[in-house]
Protein backbone atom coordinates (compact mmCIF):
# COMPACT_ATOMS: atom_id res chain seq x y z
CA MET A 1 24.88 11.23 -13.78
CA PRO A 2 25.51 9.01 -17.02
CA LYS A 3 27.85 6.53 -16.98
CA ASP A 4 30.52 5.82 -19.48
CA VAL A 5 30.80 2.04 -20.27
CA GLY A 6 33.76 1.67 -22.38
CA ASN A 7 32.24 3.65 -25.72
CA GLN A 8 29.16 3.87 -24.65
CA VAL A 9 27.51 6.62 -22.48
CA VAL A 10 24.43 4.60 -21.10
CA PRO A 11 21.84 7.36 -19.14
CA ALA A 12 22.21 6.89 -15.09
CA HIS A 13 18.97 5.48 -14.62
CA ARG A 14 19.98 2.24 -16.09
CA LYS A 15 22.02 -0.59 -14.68
CA VAL A 16 25.25 -1.19 -15.82
CA ASN A 17 27.21 -4.61 -14.98
CA PRO A 18 30.26 -4.76 -15.33
CA SER A 19 30.14 -7.95 -17.11
CA ILE A 20 28.79 -7.26 -20.14
CA ASN A 21 26.06 -9.65 -21.59
CA LEU A 22 24.70 -10.21 -25.21
CA GLU A 23 21.40 -8.30 -23.13
CA GLU A 24 22.88 -5.68 -22.09
CA VAL A 25 24.80 -5.61 -25.67
CA GLN A 26 21.35 -5.22 -27.49
CA ILE A 27 20.47 -2.77 -25.09
CA MET A 28 23.24 -0.39 -26.11
CA SER A 29 22.80 -1.16 -29.12
CA GLU A 30 19.08 0.53 -29.07
CA TYR A 31 20.37 3.47 -27.21
CA GLN A 32 22.34 3.81 -30.32
CA MET A 33 19.76 3.64 -32.36
CA LYS A 34 17.30 6.39 -31.10
CA ASP A 35 20.56 8.08 -29.96
CA ARG A 36 21.26 8.78 -33.89
CA ILE A 37 17.17 9.08 -35.46
CA VAL A 38 17.54 12.47 -32.45
CA GLU A 39 20.40 13.52 -33.68
CA GLU A 40 19.83 13.21 -37.43
CA LEU A 41 16.61 14.77 -36.48
CA LYS A 42 18.38 17.80 -34.82
CA LYS A 43 20.73 18.07 -38.32
CA ALA A 44 17.94 17.84 -40.52
CA LYS A 45 15.47 20.89 -38.64
CA GLU A 46 18.92 23.07 -38.40
CA ALA A 47 19.03 22.43 -41.88
CA GLY A 48 14.77 23.39 -42.60
CA GLN A 49 14.81 20.12 -44.45
CA ILE A 50 12.11 17.73 -41.52
CA THR A 51 9.78 16.60 -44.16
CA ALA A 52 8.06 13.15 -43.46
CA GLU A 53 9.93 11.80 -46.44
CA LYS A 54 13.36 12.94 -44.33
CA VAL A 55 11.54 11.38 -41.03
CA SER A 56 11.27 8.25 -42.66
CA GLU A 57 14.64 7.98 -43.93
CA ILE A 58 16.44 8.50 -40.89
CA VAL A 59 14.44 6.73 -39.08
CA LYS A 60 14.63 3.58 -41.65
CA GLY A 61 18.60 3.62 -41.93
CA ALA A 62 18.48 3.79 -37.84
CA VAL A 63 16.54 0.59 -37.62
CA ALA A 64 18.50 -1.26 -40.86
CA ALA A 65 21.33 -0.55 -38.66
CA ALA A 66 20.11 -1.87 -35.23
CA VAL A 67 18.70 -5.10 -37.34
CA ALA A 68 21.87 -5.48 -38.70
CA GLU A 69 22.94 -7.15 -35.32
CA THR A 70 20.38 -8.72 -34.52
CA LYS A 71 19.58 -12.13 -35.20
CA GLY A 72 15.85 -11.42 -37.26
CA GLY A 73 13.41 -12.92 -35.23
CA VAL A 74 9.94 -11.25 -34.86
CA GLN A 75 10.32 -11.01 -30.96
CA GLU A 76 13.78 -9.05 -31.33
CA LEU A 77 11.95 -6.96 -34.11
CA ARG A 78 9.19 -5.18 -32.69
CA PRO A 79 10.36 -3.41 -30.32
CA ILE A 80 13.48 -2.20 -32.38
CA VAL A 81 9.86 -0.93 -34.31
CA LYS A 82 8.65 0.37 -31.81
CA ASP A 83 11.83 2.04 -30.32
CA ALA A 84 12.51 3.90 -33.35
CA VAL A 85 9.01 5.10 -33.59
CA THR A 86 9.19 6.25 -29.53
CA ALA A 87 12.36 7.89 -30.63
CA ALA A 88 11.06 9.84 -33.80
CA VAL A 89 7.99 10.87 -32.16
CA GLU A 90 11.15 12.63 -29.20
CA GLY A 91 13.17 13.83 -31.50
CA LEU A 92 10.29 15.56 -33.60
CA LYS A 93 8.73 17.35 -30.28
CA ASP A 94 12.42 18.05 -29.44
CA THR A 95 13.24 20.39 -33.00
CA GLY A 96 9.71 21.58 -32.16
CA GLU A 97 8.15 20.04 -35.51
CA ASP A 98 4.70 18.54 -35.82
CA VAL A 99 4.58 15.22 -34.62
CA ARG A 100 1.19 14.67 -36.55
CA GLU A 101 2.80 16.03 -39.98
CA ASN A 102 6.26 13.13 -39.92
CA VAL A 103 5.07 10.74 -37.38
CA GLU A 104 3.74 8.65 -40.60
CA GLY A 105 6.95 8.71 -41.91
CA ALA A 106 9.03 7.53 -38.62
CA VAL A 107 5.93 4.10 -38.81
CA GLU A 108 7.13 3.81 -42.71
CA GLY A 109 10.87 4.07 -42.67
CA ALA A 110 10.89 1.76 -38.82
CA ILE A 111 8.49 -0.99 -40.95
CA THR A 112 11.60 -0.83 -44.10
CA GLY A 113 14.75 -0.96 -42.09
CA ALA A 114 13.04 -4.30 -40.41
CA ARG A 115 12.56 -5.54 -43.83
CA SER A 116 15.63 -4.73 -45.07
CA ARG A 117 16.89 -8.12 -42.63
CA GLY A 118 14.63 -9.91 -44.37
CA ASP A 119 15.33 -8.87 -47.77
CA GLN A 120 18.90 -9.55 -47.13
CA ALA A 121 18.66 -12.89 -45.58
CA VAL A 122 16.26 -13.49 -49.19
CA GLU A 123 18.66 -12.09 -51.07
CA ALA A 124 21.27 -14.45 -49.37
CA THR A 125 19.60 -17.21 -49.85
CA ARG A 126 19.18 -16.26 -53.28
CA GLU A 127 22.99 -16.12 -53.78
CA GLU A 128 22.98 -19.51 -51.82
CA LEU A 129 20.54 -21.11 -54.13
CA LYS A 130 22.77 -19.73 -57.41
CA LYS A 131 25.75 -21.54 -56.26
CA LEU A 132 24.18 -24.84 -55.29
CA GLU A 133 22.85 -24.54 -59.24
CA LYS A 134 26.52 -23.99 -61.03
CA ARG A 135 28.38 -26.73 -58.69
CA LEU A 136 25.22 -29.16 -59.06
CA GLU A 137 25.49 -28.36 -63.05
CA ASP A 138 29.05 -28.02 -62.54
CA GLU A 139 29.13 -32.11 -61.50
CA ARG A 140 26.21 -33.25 -63.59
CA THR A 141 29.04 -31.78 -66.83
CA ARG A 142 31.64 -33.70 -65.01
CA LEU A 143 29.66 -36.95 -64.66
CA ALA A 144 28.93 -36.74 -68.18
CA GLN A 145 32.08 -36.41 -69.10
CA SER A 146 33.74 -39.45 -66.90
CA LEU A 147 30.21 -41.19 -68.40
CA ARG A 148 31.49 -40.68 -72.34
CA GLU A 149 35.05 -41.72 -71.44
CA GLY A 150 33.99 -45.18 -69.93
CA LEU A 151 31.39 -45.41 -72.62
CA ASN A 152 33.80 -45.13 -75.32
CA GLU A 153 36.99 -46.86 -73.53
CA ALA A 154 33.64 -49.48 -73.97
CA GLN A 155 33.56 -49.42 -77.35
CA GLU A 156 36.91 -49.84 -77.97
CA ALA A 157 37.46 -52.84 -75.93
CA LEU A 158 34.58 -54.12 -77.73
CA GLN A 159 36.01 -53.27 -80.98
CA LYS A 160 39.28 -54.80 -80.44
CA GLU A 161 38.01 -58.47 -78.55
CA LYS A 162 36.18 -58.25 -82.93
CA GLU A 163 39.41 -57.54 -84.24
CA GLU A 164 40.82 -60.22 -82.42
């Protein structure tokens, strides 16, 4: 009998601790990912849209969402990718689809979804670098202007001394 933990239903074979810690949050996230893959595969089957590309798209979306909740270390990514491919294979079996034809899509989707975290980190780093470069350029401009003003004032003072 499944247990209801907040908004998340956890299968009865999983132990549920009332004081939720980060590990359990990750477990719940894994269940959400697996459930999402299985449900979306069922919907695709009902719509007659099970293809390797569709499987890849479903798995990619689920993995990207799960990876977004992690800190992105390789140790955290491996089980997510493995669980996603396993869930896709199980989901394909449940729908009666040929697993062999679609497993490549599941693997590609899992890898692409996991990469999305790295791509996001690279893009965020690029944006931060652009901001820093802009700040540096603004500071250089401000310093150059200040230096010009100082030199102009020094020239004016020197000119006044010569005139006196």
